[in-house]
Amino acid sequence: MGLHKLEKELTDDLLSRIDSISARTHNSRAEVVVETLKDHLPAEPATDRKAIERRRPS
């Protein structure tokens, strides 16, 4: 398993929320984002593919 970079634009509000958590937990922005994704993504993304497709904008 390798590491990969992901670049995404965020709203000011979302970045502010990430920074707030980062300051409280003494973790980097990247650590906050990665841990949040780990906590909220399904363990088996393939089994939830239809739900993910429904959320995508057309």
C-alpha atoms as a PDB file:
ATOM      1  CA  MET A   1       0.000   0.000   0.000  1.00  0.00           C
ATOM      2  CA  GLY A   2       1.514   3.262  -1.129  1.00  0.00           C
ATOM      3  CA  LEU A   3       0.829   6.840  -0.210  1.00  0.00           C
ATOM      4  CA  HIS A   4      -0.819   9.160  -2.708  1.00  0.00           C
ATOM      5  CA  LYS A   5      -1.435  12.893  -2.792  1.00  0.00           C
ATOM      6  CA  LEU A   6      -4.917  14.276  -3.284  1.00  0.00           C
ATOM      7  CA  GLU A   7      -5.521  17.908  -4.104  1.00  0.00           C
ATOM      8  CA  LYS A   8      -8.973  19.369  -3.467  1.00  0.00           C
ATOM      9  CA  GLU A   9     -10.305  22.899  -3.138  1.00  0.00           C
ATOM     10  CA  LEU A  10     -12.169  23.625   0.106  1.00  0.00           C
ATOM     11  CA  THR A  11     -14.478  26.414   1.178  1.00  0.00           C
ATOM     12  CA  ASP A  12     -13.219  28.927   3.728  1.00  0.00           C
ATOM     13  CA  ASP A  13     -15.688  27.525   6.260  1.00  0.00           C
ATOM     14  CA  LEU A  14     -14.518  23.928   5.860  1.00  0.00           C
ATOM     15  CA  LEU A  15     -10.846  24.895   6.047  1.00  0.00           C
ATOM     16  CA  SER A  16     -11.576  26.921   9.166  1.00  0.00           C
ATOM     17  CA  ARG A  17     -13.254  23.898  10.766  1.00  0.00           C
ATOM     18  CA  ILE A  18     -10.254  21.713   9.886  1.00  0.00           C
ATOM     19  CA  ASP A  19      -7.871  24.327  11.319  1.00  0.00           C
ATOM     20  CA  SER A  20      -9.894  24.521  14.522  1.00  0.00           C
ATOM     21  CA  ILE A  21      -9.714  20.762  15.046  1.00  0.00           C
ATOM     22  CA  SER A  22      -6.046  20.785  14.078  1.00  0.00           C
ATOM     23  CA  ALA A  23      -5.254  23.397  16.738  1.00  0.00           C
ATOM     24  CA  ARG A  24      -7.256  21.585  19.433  1.00  0.00           C
ATOM     25  CA  THR A  25      -5.714  18.187  18.722  1.00  0.00           C
ATOM     26  CA  HIS A  26      -2.206  19.365  17.817  1.00  0.00           C
ATOM     27  CA  ASN A  27      -2.441  17.407  14.551  1.00  0.00           C
ATOM     28  CA  SER A  28      -1.710  18.676  11.068  1.00  0.00           C
ATOM     29  CA  ARG A  29      -4.462  19.523   8.615  1.00  0.00           C
ATOM     30  CA  ALA A  30      -3.589  16.370   6.676  1.00  0.00           C
ATOM     31  CA  GLU A  31      -3.861  14.204   9.796  1.00  0.00           C
ATOM     32  CA  VAL A  32      -7.270  15.677  10.626  1.00  0.00           C
ATOM     33  CA  VAL A  33      -8.561  15.057   7.099  1.00  0.00           C
ATOM     34  CA  VAL A  34      -7.163  11.509   6.865  1.00  0.00           C
ATOM     35  CA  GLU A  35      -8.518  10.486  10.278  1.00  0.00           C
ATOM     36  CA  THR A  36     -11.923  11.970   9.455  1.00  0.00           C
ATOM     37  CA  LEU A  37     -12.025  10.027   6.192  1.00  0.00           C
ATOM     38  CA  LYS A  38     -11.028   6.816   7.956  1.00  0.00           C
ATOM     39  CA  ASP A  39     -13.812   7.331  10.497  1.00  0.00           C
ATOM     40  CA  HIS A  40     -16.523   8.100   7.933  1.00  0.00           C
ATOM     41  CA  LEU A  41     -15.804   6.008   4.833  1.00  0.00           C
ATOM     42  CA  PRO A  42     -17.304   2.529   4.630  1.00  0.00           C
ATOM     43  CA  ALA A  43     -14.854  -0.299   5.306  1.00  0.00           C
ATOM     44  CA  GLU A  44     -15.825  -1.926   2.009  1.00  0.00           C
ATOM     45  CA  PRO A  45     -16.276   0.887  -0.518  1.00  0.00           C
ATOM     46  CA  ALA A  46     -17.149  -1.534  -3.332  1.00  0.00           C
ATOM     47  CA  THR A  47     -20.267  -2.687  -1.470  1.00  0.00           C
ATOM     48  CA  ASP A  48     -21.476   0.895  -1.180  1.00  0.00           C
ATOM     49  CA  ARG A  49     -20.700   1.920  -4.775  1.00  0.00           C
ATOM     50  CA  LYS A  50     -24.350   2.600  -5.694  1.00  0.00           C
ATOM     51  CA  ALA A  51     -24.780   4.931  -2.711  1.00  0.00           C
ATOM     52  CA  ILE A  52     -21.618   6.817  -3.677  1.00  0.00           C
ATOM     53  CA  GLU A  53     -22.809   7.117  -7.283  1.00  0.00           C
ATOM     54  CA  ARG A  54     -26.145   8.563  -6.119  1.00  0.00           C
ATOM     55  CA  ARG A  55     -24.348  11.326  -4.216  1.00  0.00           C
ATOM     56  CA  ARG A  56     -22.232  12.414  -7.195  1.00  0.00           C
ATOM     57  CA  PRO A  57     -23.430  15.460  -9.054  1.00  0.00           C
ATOM     58  CA  SER A  58     -24.431  14.774 -12.646  1.00  0.00           C
END
